[in-house]
Amino acid sequence: MREIVLDTETTGFDPHTGDRIVEIGAVELMRHVATGNTYHQYINPERGMPHEAFEVHGLGDDFLRDKPKFAHIGQAFVDFIGDSKLIIHNAAFDIKFLNFELSKMSLRQIPWEQAIDTLAIARKKFPGSPSSLDALCRRFGIDNSSRTLHGALLDSEILAEVYLELIGGKQPDFGLSTRVEPKDGENQNEWTPRSRPTPLPPRLTEKENAAHAEFVSKLGGDVLWLKT
């Protein structure tokens, strides 16, 4: 099962009054596991950047001036997402902008039923509680300290973690076995998990490592930690 976690940044709130997309970021999941395959594109909006929008994502006129227009990247974007489910936080906003751009190119628009709205899931699961991406990161203990500004690819990566928590945690399908049974008509060799291109940073501090080493040194020479 292929899913695409997606986010956009724009010049404002409404494409029908002249606002445009300036960034698209997307992360591919296969059976709820990130494959390392991503899509990321900055886009020239062919208009000036309002100050309010610049304060949100930091993408200004000088930076975007030499970036491709949506008409030049639309087909590649459609090819990347295909007919996979799109995981989006506040899906109505992003789909509205994407379909506006796709319609101008006479490309297939994204049907509403192709999107899964994590904002709607969060509001249903935690009624009355804050449901922003930052609020959900705090709820689930997800590190979003690098999110000083909104960025489409970074937000997609964070949303992928939030999505997995919303649907049941790191093993939403109880797929505890490393062997995956193929579904009818599915190629068993279609995809298998790969090593992360960039290793995760260590979670232990130097102080914790030193305390552990001191503890092990007092256990004698026959402890498992010393056998490699």
Foldseek 3Di string as FASTA:
>chain_A
DKEKEKDWAKLDQAVVVPIATFKIKIFIDDLLHTQQDIDIFGAQSVDFRDPVSCVAAVDGCVNHVPGHHCLVCVVVVCVVRPLAAYEYAVVVRVLNRNQVSCVVNVHDRHDPVSYDHQQVLCCVVPPPDDRDLVRLCVVVVNDPVVPPHDDTRSSSVSVSQSVCVSQPHPCNPVPPDQQDDDDVPDDSVPDHHDDHPDDDDDPDDPVRVVVVVVVVVVPDDPDPVNPD
